[in-house]
């Protein structure tokens, strides 16, 4: 995740956090229309992850930083974008 306000010349910058929770290529990312800090990601691993970047840095055992919810009931890819 990058903060666009802190990009250098040419649009390059350092990420503020790397969200790691999929074991295959991510197919889609979609921001929540209701809460600005929440987004979902789907991947070829069949997982749908819901992330909250406000939770990054807060201790939570047994899950990646920022992971709010993970749905793992699918055996096929999970596309969530139109």
C-alpha atoms as a PDB file:
ATOM      1  CA  UNK A   1       0.000   0.000   0.000  1.00  0.00           C
ATOM      2  CA  UNK A   2       1.306   3.418  -0.969  1.00  0.00           C
ATOM      3  CA  UNK A   3       0.315   6.827   0.332  1.00  0.00           C
ATOM      4  CA  UNK A   4      -0.112   8.909  -2.830  1.00  0.00           C
ATOM      5  CA  UNK A   5       0.557  12.084  -0.849  1.00  0.00           C
ATOM      6  CA  UNK A   6       4.156  10.924  -0.260  1.00  0.00           C
ATOM      7  CA  UNK A   7       5.141   9.861  -3.776  1.00  0.00           C
ATOM      8  CA  UNK A   8       8.398  11.221  -5.125  1.00  0.00           C
ATOM      9  CA  UNK A   9       9.049  12.629  -8.562  1.00  0.00           C
ATOM     10  CA  UNK A  10       7.973  10.272 -11.318  1.00  0.00           C
ATOM     11  CA  UNK A  11       5.307   8.737  -9.081  1.00  0.00           C
ATOM     12  CA  UNK A  12       7.706   6.438  -7.219  1.00  0.00           C
ATOM     13  CA  UNK A  13       7.694   5.938  -3.490  1.00  0.00           C
ATOM     14  CA  UNK A  14       8.136   3.409  -0.737  1.00  0.00           C
ATOM     15  CA  UNK A  15       5.195   1.279   0.361  1.00  0.00           C
ATOM     16  CA  UNK A  16       3.784   2.018   3.811  1.00  0.00           C
ATOM     17  CA  UNK A  17       2.705  -1.609   4.282  1.00  0.00           C
ATOM     18  CA  UNK A  18       2.757  -4.884   2.366  1.00  0.00           C
ATOM     19  CA  UNK A  19      -0.371  -6.953   2.981  1.00  0.00           C
ATOM     20  CA  UNK A  20       0.446 -10.659   2.858  1.00  0.00           C
ATOM     21  CA  UNK A  21      -2.357 -13.165   3.136  1.00  0.00           C
ATOM     22  CA  UNK A  22      -2.731 -14.929  -0.197  1.00  0.00           C
ATOM     23  CA  UNK A  23      -0.802 -17.951  -1.456  1.00  0.00           C
ATOM     24  CA  UNK A  24      -1.455 -17.267  -5.141  1.00  0.00           C
ATOM     25  CA  UNK A  25      -1.797 -14.333  -7.513  1.00  0.00           C
ATOM     26  CA  UNK A  26      -4.217 -11.617  -6.391  1.00  0.00           C
ATOM     27  CA  UNK A  27      -6.955 -11.111  -8.976  1.00  0.00           C
ATOM     28  CA  UNK A  28      -8.814  -8.107  -7.596  1.00  0.00           C
ATOM     29  CA  UNK A  29      -8.768  -5.459  -4.869  1.00  0.00           C
ATOM     30  CA  UNK A  30     -11.829  -3.379  -4.000  1.00  0.00           C
ATOM     31  CA  UNK A  31     -12.186  -0.589  -1.401  1.00  0.00           C
ATOM     32  CA  UNK A  32     -15.212  -0.585   0.903  1.00  0.00           C
ATOM     33  CA  UNK A  33     -17.807   2.060   0.064  1.00  0.00           C
ATOM     34  CA  UNK A  34     -18.658   2.321   3.781  1.00  0.00           C
ATOM     35  CA  UNK A  35     -15.304   2.549   5.581  1.00  0.00           C
ATOM     36  CA  UNK A  36     -12.254   4.180   4.000  1.00  0.00           C
ATOM     37  CA  UNK A  37      -9.723   1.938   5.773  1.00  0.00           C
ATOM     38  CA  UNK A  38     -11.288  -1.368   4.653  1.00  0.00           C
ATOM     39  CA  UNK A  39     -10.721  -3.232   1.391  1.00  0.00           C
ATOM     40  CA  UNK A  40     -11.163  -6.733   0.059  1.00  0.00           C
ATOM     41  CA  UNK A  41      -8.836  -8.872  -2.021  1.00  0.00           C
ATOM     42  CA  UNK A  42      -9.473 -12.082  -3.927  1.00  0.00           C
ATOM     43  CA  UNK A  43      -6.924 -14.452  -5.380  1.00  0.00           C
ATOM     44  CA  UNK A  44      -6.376 -17.633  -7.344  1.00  0.00           C
ATOM     45  CA  UNK A  45      -5.988 -19.456  -4.014  1.00  0.00           C
ATOM     46  CA  UNK A  46      -9.787 -19.261  -3.518  1.00  0.00           C
ATOM     47  CA  UNK A  47      -9.541 -16.910  -0.532  1.00  0.00           C
ATOM     48  CA  UNK A  48     -11.439 -13.675  -0.077  1.00  0.00           C
ATOM     49  CA  UNK A  49      -9.644 -11.470   2.449  1.00  0.00           C
ATOM     50  CA  UNK A  50     -11.078  -8.379   4.091  1.00  0.00           C
ATOM     51  CA  UNK A  51      -8.396  -6.009   5.349  1.00  0.00           C
ATOM     52  CA  UNK A  52      -8.455  -2.959   7.620  1.00  0.00           C
ATOM     53  CA  UNK A  53      -5.286  -0.907   7.292  1.00  0.00           C
ATOM     54  CA  UNK A  54      -6.106   0.873  10.583  1.00  0.00           C
ATOM     55  CA  UNK A  55      -5.353  -2.458  12.303  1.00  0.00           C
ATOM     56  CA  UNK A  56      -1.789  -2.652  10.960  1.00  0.00           C
ATOM     57  CA  UNK A  57       0.646  -2.485  13.858  1.00  0.00           C
ATOM     58  CA  UNK A  58      -1.883  -3.701  16.413  1.00  0.00           C
ATOM     59  CA  UNK A  59      -1.031  -7.089  17.865  1.00  0.00           C
ATOM     60  CA  UNK A  60      -3.086 -10.035  16.704  1.00  0.00           C
ATOM     61  CA  UNK A  61      -1.717 -13.551  16.784  1.00  0.00           C
ATOM     62  CA  UNK A  62      -2.083 -16.180  14.075  1.00  0.00           C
ATOM     63  CA  UNK A  63      -3.003 -13.821  11.234  1.00  0.00           C
ATOM     64  CA  UNK A  64      -1.248 -11.381   8.907  1.00  0.00           C
ATOM     65  CA  UNK A  65      -1.145  -7.730   9.979  1.00  0.00           C
ATOM     66  CA  UNK A  66      -4.324  -5.896   9.030  1.00  0.00           C
ATOM     67  CA  UNK A  67      -6.340  -9.014   8.179  1.00  0.00           C
ATOM     68  CA  UNK A  68      -9.880  -8.459   9.443  1.00  0.00           C
ATOM     69  CA  UNK A  69     -11.641 -11.503   7.962  1.00  0.00           C
ATOM     70  CA  UNK A  70     -10.819 -14.393   5.634  1.00  0.00           C
ATOM     71  CA  UNK A  71     -13.376 -16.478   3.757  1.00  0.00           C
ATOM     72  CA  UNK A  72     -11.875 -19.754   2.622  1.00  0.00           C
ATOM     73  CA  UNK A  73     -14.857 -21.761   1.489  1.00  0.00           C
ATOM     74  CA  UNK A  74     -14.234 -21.722  -2.262  1.00  0.00           C
ATOM     75  CA  UNK A  75     -12.286 -24.274  -4.260  1.00  0.00           C
ATOM     76  CA  UNK A  76     -12.075 -22.137  -7.390  1.00  0.00           C
ATOM     77  CA  UNK A  77     -10.883 -18.599  -8.010  1.00  0.00           C
ATOM     78  CA  UNK A  78     -12.902 -15.816  -6.390  1.00  0.00           C
ATOM     79  CA  UNK A  79     -13.362 -12.744  -8.602  1.00  0.00           C
ATOM     80  CA  UNK A  80     -14.966  -9.799  -6.776  1.00  0.00           C
ATOM     81  CA  UNK A  81     -14.527  -7.039  -9.357  1.00  0.00           C
ATOM     82  CA  UNK A  82     -16.840  -6.130 -12.173  1.00  0.00           C
END
